[in-house]
Amino acid sequence: MEVNKAIRTRRSVRKYKDEKLPEQTIRELIELAVWAPSAVNNQPWAFVVLEDREYLKNLSGRAKTFVLERLDKLPHLEKYRSMLGNPDLDIFHGAPALVMIYSPKTLDTYVNDCSMAALNLMLAAWDRGIGSSWIGFARGIGNTPGVKKELGVPEEYQLVAPVILGYPEGSTASVDRKPPQILSWRK
């Protein structure tokens, strides 16, 4: 698939087939993720891969509780209260894999660097017919000392991008894009 097509057709997938991704495929996607640019070529990213369905289900529940308990400090998320309160909601949408991109907080640009690695991961997945979605609701719980300990992540690392992966079930609707807002262009 040409990069132009991948960029224009990739969508966040929230419904997945009950089919495990081959380990080699996940490894190849991570290998492509690390070809992202990073400030002074620091390459700060580190990865955690979760395929354990029971752990993912448990983590989803803990993530929802984590966000719900903090809604008074996160008023922009208030609109998700009822959704997150639904005991049947799986924030990982039944995806067979979650790739968590962590980084030590040693550079000011670690968020940008890891975000670019996540985009590489998502575009490379789409090129192979694999859907993805960035699960922002997982960031809070993924940065707690308890979860970091469970996953063997050093305390000084910060979760930047929790990305689910899997084979899409059905199609994802196309969405329109607003035209670019160019604030200034000097010649």
Protein backbone atom coordinates (compact mmCIF):
# COMPACT_ATOMS: atom_id res chain seq x y z
CA MET A 1 0.00 0.00 0.00
CA GLU A 2 1.35 3.42 -0.83
CA VAL A 3 1.90 5.75 2.11
CA ASN A 4 -0.63 8.24 0.69
CA LYS A 5 -3.34 5.59 0.70
CA ALA A 6 -2.39 4.31 4.15
CA ILE A 7 -2.60 7.81 5.64
CA ARG A 8 -5.96 8.54 4.01
CA THR A 9 -7.63 5.20 4.76
CA ARG A 10 -6.35 4.25 8.23
CA ARG A 11 -9.06 4.47 10.87
CA SER A 12 -9.32 3.69 14.55
CA VAL A 13 -10.72 0.17 14.73
CA ARG A 14 -12.94 -0.72 17.65
CA LYS A 15 -14.20 -4.15 16.63
CA TYR A 16 -11.83 -7.07 16.15
CA LYS A 17 -11.94 -10.67 15.03
CA ASP A 18 -11.20 -13.22 17.72
CA GLU A 19 -7.93 -14.10 16.03
CA LYS A 20 -4.50 -13.83 17.56
CA LEU A 21 -1.81 -11.92 15.70
CA PRO A 22 1.34 -13.92 14.92
CA GLU A 23 4.18 -13.00 17.29
CA GLN A 24 6.47 -12.41 14.30
CA THR A 25 4.01 -9.88 12.88
CA ILE A 26 3.94 -7.92 16.14
CA ARG A 27 7.74 -7.97 16.26
CA GLU A 28 7.91 -6.69 12.67
CA LEU A 29 5.48 -3.87 13.47
CA ILE A 30 7.59 -2.83 16.45
CA GLU A 31 10.68 -2.97 14.24
CA LEU A 32 8.98 -0.53 11.86
CA ALA A 33 7.85 1.67 14.77
CA VAL A 34 11.45 2.30 15.81
CA TRP A 35 12.25 3.81 12.43
CA ALA A 36 10.35 6.91 13.53
CA PRO A 37 12.33 10.12 13.83
CA SER A 38 13.35 11.23 17.30
CA ALA A 39 15.10 14.28 18.70
CA VAL A 40 18.87 14.00 18.23
CA ASN A 41 18.22 10.36 17.27
CA ASN A 42 17.68 9.54 20.95
CA GLN A 43 15.21 6.71 20.18
CA PRO A 44 13.75 6.79 23.71
CA TRP A 45 10.98 4.21 23.21
CA ALA A 46 10.51 0.91 24.97
CA PHE A 47 7.66 -1.53 24.39
CA VAL A 48 5.39 -3.76 26.43
CA VAL A 49 3.24 -6.25 24.52
CA LEU A 50 0.14 -7.71 26.16
CA GLU A 51 -1.81 -10.59 24.66
CA ASP A 52 -3.18 -12.15 27.84
CA ARG A 53 -6.95 -11.69 27.46
CA GLU A 54 -7.67 -12.03 31.18
CA TYR A 55 -5.01 -9.47 32.06
CA LEU A 56 -6.37 -7.08 29.40
CA LYS A 57 -9.91 -7.48 30.74
CA ASN A 58 -8.68 -6.78 34.28
CA LEU A 59 -6.58 -3.83 33.11
CA SER A 60 -9.61 -2.40 31.29
CA GLY A 61 -11.63 -2.49 34.50
CA ARG A 62 -8.85 -0.88 36.51
CA ALA A 63 -8.37 1.80 33.83
CA LYS A 64 -12.05 2.71 33.92
CA THR A 65 -12.02 2.94 37.71
CA PHE A 66 -8.83 5.02 37.60
CA VAL A 67 -10.42 7.58 35.26
CA LEU A 68 -13.80 7.62 37.03
CA GLU A 69 -12.13 8.30 40.39
CA ARG A 70 -10.39 11.34 38.89
CA LEU A 71 -13.19 12.93 36.87
CA ASP A 72 -13.37 15.89 39.24
CA LYS A 73 -9.80 16.75 38.15
CA LEU A 74 -10.46 15.85 34.51
CA PRO A 75 -13.64 17.77 33.62
CA HIS A 76 -13.02 17.33 29.87
CA LEU A 77 -13.65 13.59 30.40
CA GLU A 78 -16.94 14.05 32.26
CA LYS A 79 -18.88 13.27 29.06
CA TYR A 80 -17.50 9.71 29.27
CA ARG A 81 -18.78 9.00 32.80
CA SER A 82 -21.69 6.77 31.80
CA MET A 83 -19.65 4.97 29.14
CA LEU A 84 -16.81 4.25 31.59
CA GLY A 85 -19.33 3.18 34.22
CA ASN A 86 -20.62 0.43 31.96
CA PRO A 87 -19.28 -2.85 33.39
CA ASP A 88 -19.47 -4.46 29.93
CA LEU A 89 -17.25 -1.85 28.27
CA ASP A 90 -13.83 -3.17 27.31
CA ILE A 91 -11.67 -0.13 26.60
CA PHE A 92 -9.46 -2.42 24.49
CA HIS A 93 -12.43 -3.44 22.32
CA GLY A 94 -11.56 -7.13 22.37
CA ALA A 95 -8.33 -6.56 20.46
CA PRO A 96 -5.94 -9.50 20.72
CA ALA A 97 -2.88 -7.33 21.42
CA LEU A 98 -1.97 -4.13 23.22
CA VAL A 99 1.38 -2.51 22.53
CA MET A 100 2.34 0.03 25.18
CA ILE A 101 5.04 2.51 24.20
CA TYR A 102 6.95 3.79 27.22
CA SER A 103 9.90 6.13 27.53
CA PRO A 104 12.15 7.43 30.24
CA LYS A 105 11.35 11.09 30.86
CA THR A 106 14.92 12.19 30.18
CA LEU A 107 14.27 14.38 27.13
CA ASP A 108 11.72 17.13 26.64
CA THR A 109 10.69 15.46 23.37
CA TYR A 110 9.93 11.93 24.59
CA VAL A 111 6.17 12.38 24.07
CA ASN A 112 6.69 13.56 20.50
CA ASP A 113 9.21 10.81 19.76
CA CYS A 114 7.00 8.02 21.10
CA SER A 115 3.95 9.46 19.36
CA MET A 116 5.77 9.25 16.04
CA ALA A 117 6.75 5.65 16.80
CA ALA A 118 3.08 4.91 17.54
CA LEU A 119 2.02 6.40 14.21
CA ASN A 120 4.62 4.29 12.40
CA LEU A 121 3.26 1.23 14.21
CA MET A 122 -0.33 2.06 13.28
CA LEU A 123 0.41 2.81 9.61
CA ALA A 124 2.56 -0.32 9.26
CA ALA A 125 -0.25 -2.36 10.81
CA TRP A 126 -2.83 -0.89 8.44
CA ASP A 127 -0.57 -1.71 5.49
CA ARG A 128 -0.81 -5.39 6.58
CA GLY A 129 -4.58 -5.37 7.07
CA ILE A 130 -4.29 -4.98 10.84
CA GLY A 131 -6.44 -2.44 12.64
CA SER A 132 -5.33 -0.28 15.53
CA SER A 133 -6.50 2.38 17.93
CA TRP A 134 -4.72 4.59 20.45
CA ILE A 135 -6.42 3.97 23.81
CA GLY A 136 -5.97 7.15 25.81
CA PHE A 137 -8.04 5.82 28.72
CA ALA A 138 -5.20 3.34 29.45
CA ARG A 139 -2.49 5.96 30.01
CA GLY A 140 -3.38 6.75 33.61
CA ILE A 141 -3.42 3.18 34.88
CA GLY A 142 -0.38 2.30 32.75
CA ASN A 143 1.62 4.95 34.59
CA THR A 144 0.82 3.72 38.09
CA PRO A 145 3.63 2.13 40.11
CA GLY A 146 1.57 -1.06 40.51
CA VAL A 147 1.04 -1.66 36.80
CA LYS A 148 4.61 -0.71 35.99
CA LYS A 149 5.79 -3.28 38.54
CA GLU A 150 3.46 -5.95 37.11
CA LEU A 151 4.85 -5.32 33.63
CA GLY A 152 8.52 -4.92 34.56
CA VAL A 153 8.61 -1.26 33.55
CA PRO A 154 11.13 0.94 35.38
CA GLU A 155 9.48 3.55 37.61
CA GLU A 156 11.08 6.48 35.74
CA TYR A 157 9.37 5.44 32.50
CA GLN A 158 6.18 7.10 31.30
CA LEU A 159 3.48 5.45 29.17
CA VAL A 160 2.94 7.60 26.11
CA ALA A 161 1.02 5.45 23.64
CA PRO A 162 -1.19 2.45 24.43
CA VAL A 163 -2.09 1.03 20.98
CA ILE A 164 -4.39 -1.96 20.38
CA LEU A 165 -3.86 -4.19 17.36
CA GLY A 166 -5.94 -6.86 15.66
CA TYR A 167 -7.68 -7.97 12.51
CA PRO A 168 -10.71 -5.72 11.96
CA GLU A 169 -14.16 -7.24 12.04
CA GLY A 170 -16.19 -5.48 9.38
CA SER A 171 -15.32 -2.13 7.89
CA THR A 172 -14.74 1.22 9.51
CA ALA A 173 -16.58 4.18 8.08
CA SER A 174 -14.68 6.93 6.32
CA VAL A 175 -14.59 10.28 8.05
CA ASP A 176 -14.29 13.72 6.52
CA ARG A 177 -11.41 15.98 7.37
CA LYS A 178 -11.56 19.70 7.75
CA PRO A 179 -9.29 21.61 5.38
CA PRO A 180 -5.95 22.52 6.94
CA GLN A 181 -6.02 25.73 8.95
CA ILE A 182 -2.91 27.63 7.88
CA LEU A 183 -2.41 30.47 10.30
CA SER A 184 0.50 32.06 8.51
CA TRP A 185 2.62 31.57 5.42
CA ARG A 186 5.42 34.01 4.80
CA LYS A 187 7.31 34.10 1.54
